[in-house]
């Protein structure tokens, strides 16, 4: 698996810390951004692998 999984786990850990201190709507927006970023990286990796 790629480093994306590590990035995702790290961001989730950071989000948990923020969640304990911050407002829920802002946290949801940030979480969705992390998920979108990971999905974009995964899609790019898939395209690269298919092009080989």
PDB file of N, CA and C in Angstrom:
ATOM      1  N   UNK A   1       0.842  -1.177   0.000  1.00  0.00           N
ATOM      2  CA  UNK A   1       0.000   0.000   0.000  1.00  0.00           C
ATOM      3  C   UNK A   1       0.889   1.242   0.000  1.00  0.00           C
ATOM      4  N   UNK A   2       0.380   2.324  -0.491  1.00  0.00           N
ATOM      5  CA  UNK A   2       1.160   3.538  -0.636  1.00  0.00           C
ATOM      6  C   UNK A   2       1.251   4.322   0.669  1.00  0.00           C
ATOM      7  N   UNK A   3       1.977   5.401   0.582  1.00  0.00           N
ATOM      8  CA  UNK A   3       2.100   6.293   1.729  1.00  0.00           C
ATOM      9  C   UNK A   3       0.792   7.004   2.034  1.00  0.00           C
ATOM     10  N   UNK A   4      -0.160   6.944   1.109  1.00  0.00           N
ATOM     11  CA  UNK A   4      -1.448   7.592   1.334  1.00  0.00           C
ATOM     12  C   UNK A   4      -2.128   7.062   2.594  1.00  0.00           C
ATOM     13  N   UNK A   5      -1.984   5.779   2.834  1.00  0.00           N
ATOM     14  CA  UNK A   5      -2.589   5.182   4.021  1.00  0.00           C
ATOM     15  C   UNK A   5      -1.994   5.797   5.280  1.00  0.00           C
ATOM     16  N   UNK A   6      -0.665   5.986   5.273  1.00  0.00           N
ATOM     17  CA  UNK A   6       0.002   6.611   6.412  1.00  0.00           C
ATOM     18  C   UNK A   6      -0.471   8.046   6.595  1.00  0.00           C
ATOM     19  N   UNK A   7      -0.589   8.776   5.484  1.00  0.00           N
ATOM     20  CA  UNK A   7      -1.063  10.164   5.540  1.00  0.00           C
ATOM     21  C   UNK A   7      -2.477  10.195   6.088  1.00  0.00           C
ATOM     22  N   UNK A   8      -3.315   9.294   5.605  1.00  0.00           N
ATOM     23  CA  UNK A   8      -4.702   9.235   6.060  1.00  0.00           C
ATOM     24  C   UNK A   8      -4.771   8.969   7.563  1.00  0.00           C
ATOM     25  N   UNK A   9      -4.002   7.998   8.046  1.00  0.00           N
ATOM     26  CA  UNK A   9      -4.009   7.673   9.474  1.00  0.00           C
ATOM     27  C   UNK A   9      -3.506   8.844  10.305  1.00  0.00           C
ATOM     28  N   UNK A  10      -2.470   9.518   9.812  1.00  0.00           N
ATOM     29  CA  UNK A  10      -1.928  10.660  10.538  1.00  0.00           C
ATOM     30  C   UNK A  10      -2.961  11.778  10.606  1.00  0.00           C
ATOM     31  N   UNK A  11      -3.595  12.073   9.477  1.00  0.00           N
ATOM     32  CA  UNK A  11      -4.598  13.131   9.449  1.00  0.00           C
ATOM     33  C   UNK A  11      -5.792  12.784  10.336  1.00  0.00           C
ATOM     34  N   UNK A  12      -6.176  11.510  10.334  1.00  0.00           N
ATOM     35  CA  UNK A  12      -7.291  11.103  11.199  1.00  0.00           C
ATOM     36  C   UNK A  12      -6.924  11.311  12.663  1.00  0.00           C
ATOM     37  N   UNK A  13      -5.700  11.015  13.029  1.00  0.00           N
ATOM     38  CA  UNK A  13      -5.235  11.221  14.394  1.00  0.00           C
ATOM     39  C   UNK A  13      -5.265  12.707  14.746  1.00  0.00           C
ATOM     40  N   UNK A  14      -4.795  13.527  13.812  1.00  0.00           N
ATOM     41  CA  UNK A  14      -4.822  14.976  14.028  1.00  0.00           C
ATOM     42  C   UNK A  14      -6.260  15.466  14.162  1.00  0.00           C
ATOM     43  N   UNK A  15      -7.144  14.935  13.326  1.00  0.00           N
ATOM     44  CA  UNK A  15      -8.547  15.352  13.367  1.00  0.00           C
ATOM     45  C   UNK A  15      -9.175  14.976  14.706  1.00  0.00           C
ATOM     46  N   UNK A  16      -8.814  13.812  15.237  1.00  0.00           N
ATOM     47  CA  UNK A  16      -9.362  13.416  16.541  1.00  0.00           C
ATOM     48  C   UNK A  16      -8.959  14.413  17.617  1.00  0.00           C
ATOM     49  N   UNK A  17      -7.720  14.859  17.552  1.00  0.00           N
ATOM     50  CA  UNK A  17      -7.244  15.844  18.517  1.00  0.00           C
ATOM     51  C   UNK A  17      -8.021  17.147  18.369  1.00  0.00           C
ATOM     52  N   UNK A  18      -8.193  17.577  17.136  1.00  0.00           N
ATOM     53  CA  UNK A  18      -8.929  18.818  16.878  1.00  0.00           C
ATOM     54  C   UNK A  18     -10.387  18.664  17.290  1.00  0.00           C
ATOM     55  N   UNK A  19     -10.949  17.487  17.031  1.00  0.00           N
ATOM     56  CA  UNK A  19     -12.350  17.231  17.358  1.00  0.00           C
ATOM     57  C   UNK A  19     -12.616  17.447  18.840  1.00  0.00           C
ATOM     58  N   UNK A  20     -11.676  17.040  19.641  1.00  0.00           N
ATOM     59  CA  UNK A  20     -11.844  17.183  21.077  1.00  0.00           C
ATOM     60  C   UNK A  20     -11.827  18.644  21.513  1.00  0.00           C
ATOM     61  N   UNK A  21     -11.325  19.520  20.650  1.00  0.00           N
ATOM     62  CA  UNK A  21     -11.222  20.928  21.012  1.00  0.00           C
ATOM     63  C   UNK A  21     -12.092  21.850  20.165  1.00  0.00           C
ATOM     64  N   UNK A  22     -12.408  21.455  18.931  1.00  0.00           N
ATOM     65  CA  UNK A  22     -13.013  22.401  18.001  1.00  0.00           C
ATOM     66  C   UNK A  22     -14.478  22.162  17.719  1.00  0.00           C
ATOM     67  N   UNK A  23     -14.987  22.965  16.798  1.00  0.00           N
ATOM     68  CA  UNK A  23     -16.390  22.899  16.393  1.00  0.00           C
ATOM     69  C   UNK A  23     -16.590  21.797  15.355  1.00  0.00           C
ATOM     70  N   UNK A  24     -17.671  21.085  15.467  1.00  0.00           N
ATOM     71  CA  UNK A  24     -17.948  19.943  14.598  1.00  0.00           C
ATOM     72  C   UNK A  24     -18.038  20.291  13.115  1.00  0.00           C
ATOM     73  N   UNK A  25     -18.754  21.324  12.702  1.00  0.00           N
ATOM     74  CA  UNK A  25     -18.845  21.595  11.256  1.00  0.00           C
ATOM     75  C   UNK A  25     -17.492  21.823  10.587  1.00  0.00           C
ATOM     76  N   UNK A  26     -16.614  22.571  11.235  1.00  0.00           N
ATOM     77  CA  UNK A  26     -15.291  22.812  10.664  1.00  0.00           C
ATOM     78  C   UNK A  26     -14.486  21.529  10.561  1.00  0.00           C
ATOM     79  N   UNK A  27     -14.650  20.670  11.549  1.00  0.00           N
ATOM     80  CA  UNK A  27     -13.941  19.394  11.549  1.00  0.00           C
ATOM     81  C   UNK A  27     -14.419  18.507  10.412  1.00  0.00           C
ATOM     82  N   UNK A  28     -15.720  18.515  10.189  1.00  0.00           N
ATOM     83  CA  UNK A  28     -16.266  17.700   9.093  1.00  0.00           C
ATOM     84  C   UNK A  28     -15.734  18.161   7.748  1.00  0.00           C
ATOM     85  N   UNK A  29     -15.660  19.462   7.570  1.00  0.00           N
ATOM     86  CA  UNK A  29     -15.141  20.006   6.316  1.00  0.00           C
ATOM     87  C   UNK A  29     -13.687  19.584   6.133  1.00  0.00           C
ATOM     88  N   UNK A  30     -12.883  19.700   7.183  1.00  0.00           N
ATOM     89  CA  UNK A  30     -11.482  19.297   7.076  1.00  0.00           C
ATOM     90  C   UNK A  30     -11.342  17.804   6.812  1.00  0.00           C
ATOM     91  N   UNK A  31     -12.148  16.999   7.475  1.00  0.00           N
ATOM     92  CA  UNK A  31     -12.101  15.555   7.264  1.00  0.00           C
ATOM     93  C   UNK A  31     -12.454  15.198   5.828  1.00  0.00           C
ATOM     94  N   UNK A  32     -13.479  15.831   5.302  1.00  0.00           N
ATOM     95  CA  UNK A  32     -13.857  15.572   3.916  1.00  0.00           C
ATOM     96  C   UNK A  32     -12.747  15.977   2.959  1.00  0.00           C
ATOM     97  N   UNK A  33     -12.051  17.061   3.264  1.00  0.00           N
ATOM     98  CA  UNK A  33     -10.925  17.480   2.417  1.00  0.00           C
ATOM     99  C   UNK A  33      -9.813  16.437   2.433  1.00  0.00           C
ATOM    100  N   UNK A  34      -9.527  15.877   3.601  1.00  0.00           N
ATOM    101  CA  UNK A  34      -8.498  14.839   3.698  1.00  0.00           C
ATOM    102  C   UNK A  34      -8.917  13.620   2.885  1.00  0.00           C
ATOM    103  N   UNK A  35     -10.169  13.212   3.018  1.00  0.00           N
ATOM    104  CA  UNK A  35     -10.667  12.050   2.272  1.00  0.00           C
ATOM    105  C   UNK A  35     -10.585  12.320   0.770  1.00  0.00           C
ATOM    106  N   UNK A  36     -10.989  13.513   0.347  1.00  0.00           N
ATOM    107  CA  UNK A  36     -10.927  13.844  -1.075  1.00  0.00           C
ATOM    108  C   UNK A  36      -9.487  13.819  -1.583  1.00  0.00           C
ATOM    109  N   UNK A  37      -8.568  14.328  -0.780  1.00  0.00           N
ATOM    110  CA  UNK A  37      -7.160  14.333  -1.168  1.00  0.00           C
ATOM    111  C   UNK A  37      -6.626  12.912  -1.305  1.00  0.00           C
ATOM    112  N   UNK A  38      -6.960  12.058  -0.350  1.00  0.00           N
ATOM    113  CA  UNK A  38      -6.525  10.663  -0.421  1.00  0.00           C
ATOM    114  C   UNK A  38      -7.120   9.965  -1.637  1.00  0.00           C
ATOM    115  N   UNK A  39      -8.397  10.185  -1.885  1.00  0.00           N
ATOM    116  CA  UNK A  39      -9.037   9.558  -3.042  1.00  0.00           C
ATOM    117  C   UNK A  39      -8.399  10.029  -4.340  1.00  0.00           C
ATOM    118  N   UNK A  40      -8.044  11.308  -4.405  1.00  0.00           N
ATOM    119  CA  UNK A  40      -7.400  11.833  -5.610  1.00  0.00           C
ATOM    120  C   UNK A  40      -6.041  11.186  -5.818  1.00  0.00           C
ATOM    121  N   UNK A  41      -5.290  11.009  -4.728  1.00  0.00           N
ATOM    122  CA  UNK A  41      -3.983  10.360  -4.847  1.00  0.00           C
ATOM    123  C   UNK A  41      -4.135   8.910  -5.276  1.00  0.00           C
ATOM    124  N   UNK A  42      -5.127   8.223  -4.712  1.00  0.00           N
ATOM    125  CA  UNK A  42      -5.361   6.823  -5.083  1.00  0.00           C
ATOM    126  C   UNK A  42      -5.743   6.714  -6.548  1.00  0.00           C
ATOM    127  N   UNK A  43      -6.574   7.620  -7.019  1.00  0.00           N
ATOM    128  CA  UNK A  43      -6.990   7.603  -8.422  1.00  0.00           C
ATOM    129  C   UNK A  43      -5.787   7.835  -9.330  1.00  0.00           C
ATOM    130  N   UNK A  44      -4.918   8.755  -8.939  1.00  0.00           N
ATOM    131  CA  UNK A  44      -3.720   9.022  -9.720  1.00  0.00           C
ATOM    132  C   UNK A  44      -2.813   7.794  -9.741  1.00  0.00           C
ATOM    133  N   UNK A  45      -2.642   7.155  -8.608  1.00  0.00           N
ATOM    134  CA  UNK A  45      -1.830   5.941  -8.560  1.00  0.00           C
ATOM    135  C   UNK A  45      -2.416   4.854  -9.456  1.00  0.00           C
ATOM    136  N   UNK A  46      -3.735   4.704  -9.443  1.00  0.00           N
ATOM    137  CA  UNK A  46      -4.383   3.708 -10.295  1.00  0.00           C
ATOM    138  C   UNK A  46      -4.112   4.001 -11.771  1.00  0.00           C
ATOM    139  N   UNK A  47      -4.216   5.280 -12.153  1.00  0.00           N
ATOM    140  CA  UNK A  47      -3.977   5.642 -13.549  1.00  0.00           C
ATOM    141  C   UNK A  47      -2.532   5.363 -13.950  1.00  0.00           C
ATOM    142  N   UNK A  48      -1.612   5.654 -13.038  1.00  0.00           N
ATOM    143  CA  UNK A  48      -0.203   5.402 -13.324  1.00  0.00           C
ATOM    144  C   UNK A  48       0.045   3.914 -13.507  1.00  0.00           C
ATOM    145  N   UNK A  49      -0.518   3.103 -12.608  1.00  0.00           N
ATOM    146  CA  UNK A  49      -0.333   1.646 -12.695  1.00  0.00           C
ATOM    147  C   UNK A  49      -0.938   1.096 -13.981  1.00  0.00           C
ATOM    148  N   UNK A  50      -2.100   1.594 -14.369  1.00  0.00           N
ATOM    149  CA  UNK A  50      -2.748   1.102 -15.603  1.00  0.00           C
ATOM    150  C   UNK A  50      -1.972   1.483 -16.843  1.00  0.00           C
ATOM    151  N   UNK A  51      -1.232   2.585 -16.794  1.00  0.00           N
ATOM    152  CA  UNK A  51      -0.509   3.043 -17.970  1.00  0.00           C
ATOM    153  C   UNK A  51       0.791   2.282 -18.200  1.00  0.00           C
ATOM    154  N   UNK A  52       1.171   1.457 -17.229  1.00  0.00           N
ATOM    155  CA  UNK A  52       2.436   0.704 -17.355  1.00  0.00           C
ATOM    156  C   UNK A  52       2.291  -0.473 -18.268  1.00  0.00           C
TER     157      UNK A  52
END
